[in-house]
C-alpha atoms as a PDB file:
ATOM      1  CA  MET A   1      -3.209 -17.119  -6.053  1.00  0.00           C
ATOM      2  CA  MET A   2      -4.450 -20.530  -4.073  1.00  0.00           C
ATOM      3  CA  GLN A   3      -0.836 -21.681  -4.814  1.00  0.00           C
ATOM      4  CA  SER A   4       0.808 -19.490  -2.308  1.00  0.00           C
ATOM      5  CA  PHE A   5      -0.761 -21.384   0.665  1.00  0.00           C
ATOM      6  CA  VAL A   6      -0.562 -24.831  -0.660  1.00  0.00           C
ATOM      7  CA  SER A   7       2.301 -25.554   1.780  1.00  0.00           C
ATOM      8  CA  LEU A   8       0.723 -24.069   4.863  1.00  0.00           C
ATOM      9  CA  THR A   9      -0.597 -26.580   7.022  1.00  0.00           C
ATOM     10  CA  ALA A  10      -2.783 -25.792  10.650  1.00  0.00           C
ATOM     11  CA  LYS A  11       0.154 -26.439  12.601  1.00  0.00           C
ATOM     12  CA  GLN A  12       2.285 -24.054  11.112  1.00  0.00           C
ATOM     13  CA  VAL A  13      -0.462 -21.613  11.879  1.00  0.00           C
ATOM     14  CA  MET A  14      -0.520 -22.243  15.314  1.00  0.00           C
ATOM     15  CA  GLN A  15       3.308 -22.724  15.392  1.00  0.00           C
ATOM     16  CA  ASP A  16       3.950 -18.931  14.237  1.00  0.00           C
ATOM     17  CA  ALA A  17       3.303 -16.787  17.151  1.00  0.00           C
ATOM     18  CA  PRO A  18       2.228 -17.674  20.731  1.00  0.00           C
ATOM     19  CA  VAL A  19      -1.036 -15.506  19.839  1.00  0.00           C
ATOM     20  CA  ILE A  20      -3.602 -15.868  16.829  1.00  0.00           C
ATOM     21  CA  PRO A  21      -5.537 -12.228  17.454  1.00  0.00           C
ATOM     22  CA  VAL A  22      -9.332 -12.844  16.880  1.00  0.00           C
ATOM     23  CA  ILE A  23     -10.120  -9.707  14.947  1.00  0.00           C
ATOM     24  CA  VAL A  24     -13.553  -8.177  14.512  1.00  0.00           C
ATOM     25  CA  LEU A  25     -13.905  -5.518  11.570  1.00  0.00           C
ATOM     26  CA  HIS A  26     -16.670  -3.130  11.039  1.00  0.00           C
ATOM     27  CA  GLU A  27     -14.607  -1.043   8.819  1.00  0.00           C
ATOM     28  CA  VAL A  28     -12.635  -1.355   5.799  1.00  0.00           C
ATOM     29  CA  ALA A  29     -10.661   1.674   6.443  1.00  0.00           C
ATOM     30  CA  HIS A  30      -9.126  -0.170   9.648  1.00  0.00           C
ATOM     31  CA  ALA A  31      -7.667  -3.250   7.766  1.00  0.00           C
ATOM     32  CA  VAL A  32      -4.740  -2.136   6.798  1.00  0.00           C
ATOM     33  CA  PRO A  33      -3.103  -0.246   9.283  1.00  0.00           C
ATOM     34  CA  LEU A  34      -4.452  -2.699  11.891  1.00  0.00           C
ATOM     35  CA  ALA A  35      -2.558  -5.321   9.920  1.00  0.00           C
ATOM     36  CA  ARG A  36       0.317  -3.242   9.643  1.00  0.00           C
ATOM     37  CA  ALA A  37       0.678  -2.666  13.494  1.00  0.00           C
ATOM     38  CA  LEU A  38       0.120  -6.627  14.467  1.00  0.00           C
ATOM     39  CA  VAL A  39       2.974  -7.648  12.099  1.00  0.00           C
ATOM     40  CA  ALA A  40       5.142  -4.632  12.995  1.00  0.00           C
ATOM     41  CA  GLY A  41       4.778  -6.143  16.759  1.00  0.00           C
ATOM     42  CA  GLY A  42       5.434  -9.578  15.359  1.00  0.00           C
ATOM     43  CA  ILE A  43       2.009 -11.392  15.028  1.00  0.00           C
ATOM     44  CA  ARG A  44       1.473 -12.168  11.173  1.00  0.00           C
ATOM     45  CA  MET A  45      -1.370 -14.858  11.316  1.00  0.00           C
ATOM     46  CA  LEU A  46      -4.398 -12.719  11.673  1.00  0.00           C
ATOM     47  CA  GLU A  47      -7.912 -14.364  12.020  1.00  0.00           C
ATOM     48  CA  ILE A  48     -10.433 -11.987  10.580  1.00  0.00           C
ATOM     49  CA  THR A  49     -13.932 -13.349  11.837  1.00  0.00           C
ATOM     50  CA  LEU A  50     -16.816 -13.363   9.349  1.00  0.00           C
ATOM     51  CA  ARG A  51     -18.917 -11.533  11.775  1.00  0.00           C
ATOM     52  CA  THR A  52     -19.543  -8.322  10.155  1.00  0.00           C
ATOM     53  CA  PRO A  53     -20.708  -7.243   6.745  1.00  0.00           C
ATOM     54  CA  ALA A  54     -17.044  -5.621   6.112  1.00  0.00           C
ATOM     55  CA  ALA A  55     -14.814  -9.127   6.969  1.00  0.00           C
ATOM     56  CA  LEU A  56     -14.368 -10.288   3.480  1.00  0.00           C
ATOM     57  CA  GLU A  57     -13.516  -6.636   1.960  1.00  0.00           C
ATOM     58  CA  CYS A  58     -11.194  -6.515   4.895  1.00  0.00           C
ATOM     59  CA  MET A  59      -9.339  -9.678   4.242  1.00  0.00           C
ATOM     60  CA  ARG A  60      -8.690  -8.352   0.638  1.00  0.00           C
ATOM     61  CA  ALA A  61      -7.408  -5.036   1.709  1.00  0.00           C
ATOM     62  CA  ILE A  62      -5.052  -6.908   3.780  1.00  0.00           C
ATOM     63  CA  ARG A  63      -3.883  -9.391   1.351  1.00  0.00           C
ATOM     64  CA  ALA A  64      -3.497  -6.596  -1.281  1.00  0.00           C
ATOM     65  CA  GLU A  65      -1.771  -4.345   0.697  1.00  0.00           C
ATOM     66  CA  VAL A  66       0.034  -5.799   3.661  1.00  0.00           C
ATOM     67  CA  PRO A  67       1.932  -8.909   2.005  1.00  0.00           C
ATOM     68  CA  GLU A  68       3.736  -9.494   5.235  1.00  0.00           C
ATOM     69  CA  ALA A  69       0.430 -10.560   7.164  1.00  0.00           C
ATOM     70  CA  ILE A  70      -1.148 -14.353   6.361  1.00  0.00           C
ATOM     71  CA  VAL A  71      -5.094 -13.514   6.380  1.00  0.00           C
ATOM     72  CA  GLY A  72      -7.265 -16.191   7.993  1.00  0.00           C
ATOM     73  CA  ALA A  73     -11.021 -16.226   8.294  1.00  0.00           C
ATOM     74  CA  GLY A  74     -12.654 -17.022  11.542  1.00  0.00           C
ATOM     75  CA  THR A  75     -16.407 -17.941  12.163  1.00  0.00           C
ATOM     76  CA  VAL A  76     -16.253 -20.321   9.152  1.00  0.00           C
ATOM     77  CA  CYS A  77     -19.502 -22.574   9.512  1.00  0.00           C
ATOM     78  CA  SER A  78     -20.282 -23.304   6.161  1.00  0.00           C
ATOM     79  CA  ALA A  79     -18.823 -24.620   2.768  1.00  0.00           C
ATOM     80  CA  ARG A  80     -20.286 -21.194   1.288  1.00  0.00           C
ATOM     81  CA  ASP A  81     -17.936 -19.539   3.989  1.00  0.00           C
ATOM     82  CA  VAL A  82     -14.940 -21.700   3.031  1.00  0.00           C
ATOM     83  CA  ASP A  83     -15.778 -20.426  -0.740  1.00  0.00           C
ATOM     84  CA  ALA A  84     -16.317 -16.677   0.013  1.00  0.00           C
ATOM     85  CA  CYS A  85     -13.046 -16.657   2.163  1.00  0.00           C
ATOM     86  CA  LEU A  86     -10.738 -18.319  -0.150  1.00  0.00           C
ATOM     87  CA  GLU A  87     -11.794 -16.038  -2.802  1.00  0.00           C
ATOM     88  CA  ALA A  88     -11.058 -12.927  -0.688  1.00  0.00           C
ATOM     89  CA  GLY A  89      -7.418 -14.343  -0.110  1.00  0.00           C
ATOM     90  CA  ALA A  90      -7.468 -16.193   3.292  1.00  0.00           C
ATOM     91  CA  ARG A  91      -5.085 -18.462   3.655  1.00  0.00           C
ATOM     92  CA  PHE A  92      -6.435 -20.593   6.750  1.00  0.00           C
ATOM     93  CA  ALA A  93      -9.623 -21.313   8.558  1.00  0.00           C
ATOM     94  CA  VAL A  94     -11.120 -21.229  11.937  1.00  0.00           C
ATOM     95  CA  SER A  95     -14.549 -22.121  13.351  1.00  0.00           C
ATOM     96  CA  PRO A  96     -16.220 -22.241  16.499  1.00  0.00           C
ATOM     97  CA  GLY A  97     -17.213 -25.975  16.158  1.00  0.00           C
ATOM     98  CA  TYR A  98     -16.756 -29.133  14.198  1.00  0.00           C
ATOM     99  CA  THR A  99     -18.649 -30.626  11.361  1.00  0.00           C
ATOM    100  CA  THR A 100     -17.501 -33.490   9.251  1.00  0.00           C
ATOM    101  CA  SER A 101     -19.277 -31.925   6.033  1.00  0.00           C
ATOM    102  CA  LEU A 102     -17.324 -28.599   6.987  1.00  0.00           C
ATOM    103  CA  GLY A 103     -14.080 -30.678   7.314  1.00  0.00           C
ATOM    104  CA  PHE A 104     -14.352 -31.999   4.028  1.00  0.00           C
ATOM    105  CA  ALA A 105     -15.142 -28.950   2.524  1.00  0.00           C
ATOM    106  CA  CYS A 106     -11.880 -26.944   3.786  1.00  0.00           C
ATOM    107  CA  ARG A 107      -9.537 -30.332   2.780  1.00  0.00           C
ATOM    108  CA  GLU A 108     -11.296 -30.495  -0.673  1.00  0.00           C
ATOM    109  CA  ARG A 109     -10.424 -27.021  -1.346  1.00  0.00           C
ATOM    110  CA  GLY A 110      -6.954 -27.131   0.439  1.00  0.00           C
ATOM    111  CA  LEU A 111      -7.673 -24.392   3.097  1.00  0.00           C
ATOM    112  CA  PRO A 112      -5.644 -25.263   6.905  1.00  0.00           C
ATOM    113  CA  TRP A 113      -8.594 -25.367   9.077  1.00  0.00           C
ATOM    114  CA  LEU A 114      -8.567 -25.100  12.948  1.00  0.00           C
ATOM    115  CA  PRO A 115     -12.106 -26.407  13.775  1.00  0.00           C
ATOM    116  CA  GLY A 116     -13.667 -25.818  17.573  1.00  0.00           C
ATOM    117  CA  VAL A 117     -13.946 -28.251  19.958  1.00  0.00           C
ATOM    118  CA  ALA A 118     -15.122 -28.276  23.710  1.00  0.00           C
ATOM    119  CA  THR A 119     -15.954 -32.117  24.149  1.00  0.00           C
ATOM    120  CA  ALA A 120     -13.973 -35.626  24.174  1.00  0.00           C
ATOM    121  CA  SER A 121     -16.371 -36.979  21.363  1.00  0.00           C
ATOM    122  CA  GLU A 122     -15.605 -33.769  19.100  1.00  0.00           C
ATOM    123  CA  ILE A 123     -12.336 -34.512  19.610  1.00  0.00           C
ATOM    124  CA  MET A 124     -12.847 -38.051  18.619  1.00  0.00           C
ATOM    125  CA  GLN A 125     -15.145 -37.031  15.216  1.00  0.00           C
ATOM    126  CA  ALA A 126     -12.491 -34.803  14.225  1.00  0.00           C
ATOM    127  CA  GLN A 127      -9.723 -37.272  14.740  1.00  0.00           C
ATOM    128  CA  HIS A 128     -11.607 -39.647  12.707  1.00  0.00           C
ATOM    129  CA  ASP A 129     -11.875 -37.321   9.935  1.00  0.00           C
ATOM    130  CA  GLY A 130      -8.007 -36.537   9.983  1.00  0.00           C
ATOM    131  CA  TYR A 131      -7.925 -33.488  12.026  1.00  0.00           C
ATOM    132  CA  THR A 132      -5.440 -33.387  14.978  1.00  0.00           C
ATOM    133  CA  GLU A 133      -4.855 -29.863  15.634  1.00  0.00           C
ATOM    134  CA  LEU A 134      -7.674 -28.243  16.968  1.00  0.00           C
ATOM    135  CA  LYS A 135      -9.337 -25.170  18.496  1.00  0.00           C
ATOM    136  CA  PHE A 136     -10.389 -25.376  22.097  1.00  0.00           C
ATOM    137  CA  PHE A 137     -13.632 -23.385  22.456  1.00  0.00           C
ATOM    138  CA  PRO A 138     -14.861 -21.444  24.603  1.00  0.00           C
ATOM    139  CA  ALA A 139     -11.712 -22.595  26.764  1.00  0.00           C
ATOM    140  CA  LEU A 140     -12.703 -20.933  29.856  1.00  0.00           C
ATOM    141  CA  GLN A 141     -16.166 -22.069  30.074  1.00  0.00           C
ATOM    142  CA  ALA A 142     -15.492 -25.387  28.631  1.00  0.00           C
ATOM    143  CA  GLY A 143     -13.301 -26.015  31.686  1.00  0.00           C
ATOM    144  CA  GLY A 144     -10.092 -24.058  31.006  1.00  0.00           C
ATOM    145  CA  VAL A 145      -6.506 -25.219  31.963  1.00  0.00           C
ATOM    146  CA  ALA A 146      -8.055 -28.185  33.901  1.00  0.00           C
ATOM    147  CA  MET A 147     -10.004 -29.530  31.160  1.00  0.00           C
ATOM    148  CA  LEU A 148      -7.072 -29.604  28.890  1.00  0.00           C
ATOM    149  CA  LYS A 149      -4.972 -31.160  31.292  1.00  0.00           C
ATOM    150  CA  ALA A 150      -7.469 -34.122  31.752  1.00  0.00           C
ATOM    151  CA  LEU A 151      -7.926 -34.405  27.814  1.00  0.00           C
ATOM    152  CA  ASN A 152      -4.235 -34.661  27.520  1.00  0.00           C
ATOM    153  CA  GLY A 153      -4.435 -38.073  28.908  1.00  0.00           C
ATOM    154  CA  PRO A 154      -6.507 -40.243  26.467  1.00  0.00           C
ATOM    155  CA  PHE A 155      -5.677 -37.481  23.320  1.00  0.00           C
ATOM    156  CA  SER A 156      -1.863 -36.443  24.225  1.00  0.00           C
ATOM    157  CA  HIS A 157      -1.505 -36.610  20.112  1.00  0.00           C
ATOM    158  CA  ILE A 158      -3.844 -33.761  19.633  1.00  0.00           C
ATOM    159  CA  GLN A 159      -2.841 -30.032  20.115  1.00  0.00           C
ATOM    160  CA  PHE A 160      -4.828 -27.339  20.551  1.00  0.00           C
ATOM    161  CA  CYS A 161      -5.254 -23.392  20.213  1.00  0.00           C
ATOM    162  CA  PRO A 162      -7.728 -22.502  23.535  1.00  0.00           C
ATOM    163  CA  THR A 163      -9.699 -19.484  22.287  1.00  0.00           C
ATOM    164  CA  GLY A 164     -12.443 -17.824  24.532  1.00  0.00           C
ATOM    165  CA  GLY A 165     -11.697 -16.124  27.874  1.00  0.00           C
ATOM    166  CA  ILE A 166      -7.882 -15.850  27.195  1.00  0.00           C
ATOM    167  CA  THR A 167      -6.207 -12.719  28.464  1.00  0.00           C
ATOM    168  CA  ALA A 168      -2.484 -11.482  28.542  1.00  0.00           C
ATOM    169  CA  GLN A 169      -2.658 -12.282  32.105  1.00  0.00           C
ATOM    170  CA  ASN A 170      -3.691 -16.088  31.745  1.00  0.00           C
ATOM    171  CA  ALA A 171      -2.246 -16.780  28.300  1.00  0.00           C
ATOM    172  CA  GLY A 172       1.033 -18.312  29.811  1.00  0.00           C
ATOM    173  CA  GLU A 173      -0.640 -21.025  32.103  1.00  0.00           C
ATOM    174  CA  PHE A 174      -2.450 -22.231  28.845  1.00  0.00           C
ATOM    175  CA  LEU A 175       0.866 -22.025  26.995  1.00  0.00           C
ATOM    176  CA  ALA A 176       2.580 -24.232  29.667  1.00  0.00           C
ATOM    177  CA  LEU A 177       0.526 -27.163  28.825  1.00  0.00           C
ATOM    178  CA  PRO A 178       2.213 -29.805  26.555  1.00  0.00           C
ATOM    179  CA  ASN A 179      -1.132 -29.946  24.160  1.00  0.00           C
ATOM    180  CA  VAL A 180      -1.209 -26.308  23.560  1.00  0.00           C
ATOM    181  CA  ILE A 181       0.677 -24.723  20.907  1.00  0.00           C
ATOM    182  CA  CYS A 182      -0.597 -21.216  20.908  1.00  0.00           C
ATOM    183  CA  VAL A 183      -3.912 -19.398  22.227  1.00  0.00           C
ATOM    184  CA  GLY A 184      -6.534 -17.259  20.549  1.00  0.00           C
ATOM    185  CA  GLY A 185      -7.304 -13.823  21.649  1.00  0.00           C
ATOM    186  CA  SER A 186      -9.441 -10.641  21.021  1.00  0.00           C
ATOM    187  CA  TRP A 187      -7.513  -8.373  23.685  1.00  0.00           C
ATOM    188  CA  LEU A 188      -4.820  -7.577  21.017  1.00  0.00           C
ATOM    189  CA  VAL A 189      -7.392  -5.292  19.162  1.00  0.00           C
ATOM    190  CA  PRO A 190      -9.219  -3.385  21.920  1.00  0.00           C
ATOM    191  CA  ALA A 191     -12.125  -1.958  20.324  1.00  0.00           C
ATOM    192  CA  ASP A 192     -11.684   1.430  21.697  1.00  0.00           C
ATOM    193  CA  ALA A 193      -7.995   1.580  20.228  1.00  0.00           C
ATOM    194  CA  LEU A 194      -9.392   0.484  16.898  1.00  0.00           C
ATOM    195  CA  ALA A 195     -11.760   3.223  16.960  1.00  0.00           C
ATOM    196  CA  GLN A 196      -9.303   5.673  18.050  1.00  0.00           C
ATOM    197  CA  GLY A 197      -7.054   4.502  15.344  1.00  0.00           C
ATOM    198  CA  ASP A 198      -4.411   4.018  18.323  1.00  0.00           C
ATOM    199  CA  TYR A 199      -2.566   1.516  16.116  1.00  0.00           C
ATOM    200  CA  LYS A 200       0.770   2.090  18.126  1.00  0.00           C
ATOM    201  CA  ARG A 201      -1.031   0.612  21.135  1.00  0.00           C
ATOM    202  CA  ILE A 202      -2.119  -2.460  19.184  1.00  0.00           C
ATOM    203  CA  GLU A 203       1.613  -2.799  17.931  1.00  0.00           C
ATOM    204  CA  ALA A 204       2.673  -2.882  21.668  1.00  0.00           C
ATOM    205  CA  LEU A 205       0.148  -5.265  22.474  1.00  0.00           C
ATOM    206  CA  ALA A 206       1.194  -7.423  19.619  1.00  0.00           C
ATOM    207  CA  ARG A 207       4.749  -7.167  20.588  1.00  0.00           C
ATOM    208  CA  GLN A 208       3.793  -8.385  24.088  1.00  0.00           C
ATOM    209  CA  ALA A 209       2.004 -11.072  22.935  1.00  0.00           C
ATOM    210  CA  ALA A 210       4.707 -12.219  20.650  1.00  0.00           C
ATOM    211  CA  ARG A 211       7.022 -12.648  24.013  1.00  0.00           C
ATOM    212  CA  LEU A 212       4.421 -14.717  25.901  1.00  0.00           C
ATOM    213  CA  ALA A 213       5.934 -17.558  27.238  1.00  0.00           C
ATOM    214  CA  PRO A 214       4.511 -20.521  29.410  1.00  0.00           C
ATOM    215  CA  GLN A 215       3.960 -20.047  32.931  1.00  0.00           C
ATOM    216  CA  THR A 216       2.922 -22.300  35.511  1.00  0.00           C
ATOM    217  CA  ASN A 217       0.416 -21.024  38.303  1.00  0.00           C
ATOM    218  CA  ALA A 218       2.224 -20.839  41.241  1.00  0.00           C
ATOM    219  CA  HIS A 219      -0.839 -22.488  42.806  1.00  0.00           C
ATOM    220  CA  ASP A 220      -1.154 -25.541  40.709  1.00  0.00           C
ATOM    221  CA  LYS A 221       0.996 -28.261  42.220  1.00  0.00           C
ATOM    222  CA  SER A 222      -0.134 -30.969  39.541  1.00  0.00           C
END
């Protein structure tokens, strides 16, 4: 099973679509129809966060029943998490922060990883350890578009997936930045739509997200 993701890289995960959905699942029954809806809308990189007891079983269900989806694990914070999500069939991992030990664990196990950073020092540490595709988190609280523009000066070779406060309305401004490949967002999977089983709505949101294009803020003259 592990051979199927050997060739997948963090950059390929980021380049697959403009948005990586950040998904919180409390019920395994929602996993497969949700994944099918997202894939039908053009979004196949699915970040299932390890925030609920059902997360790992949801990954297993999607991996078994929705082969078009590429299952990833979010909120990965330890080597134990890495092992658990690999066993559940995850093909990439995303973390809220960065540690050298977690970077080593992902590299040792061959798991593509998007670690979270919010400061220049964290970027430098990740870069030192060989990671150049990073999650910028929490994006809005850490300075948003302006901060990413500033970071592009000293770190023009680093590429980001901003996550945290990203919406359908502001995603285009982030995607317009030269150091942003994609964004992460939870708006594709509204809690009420999930609770009501409104997968058509989720598919429509995914379809809109898959068509997102860079958009320059008209008020930004820089």
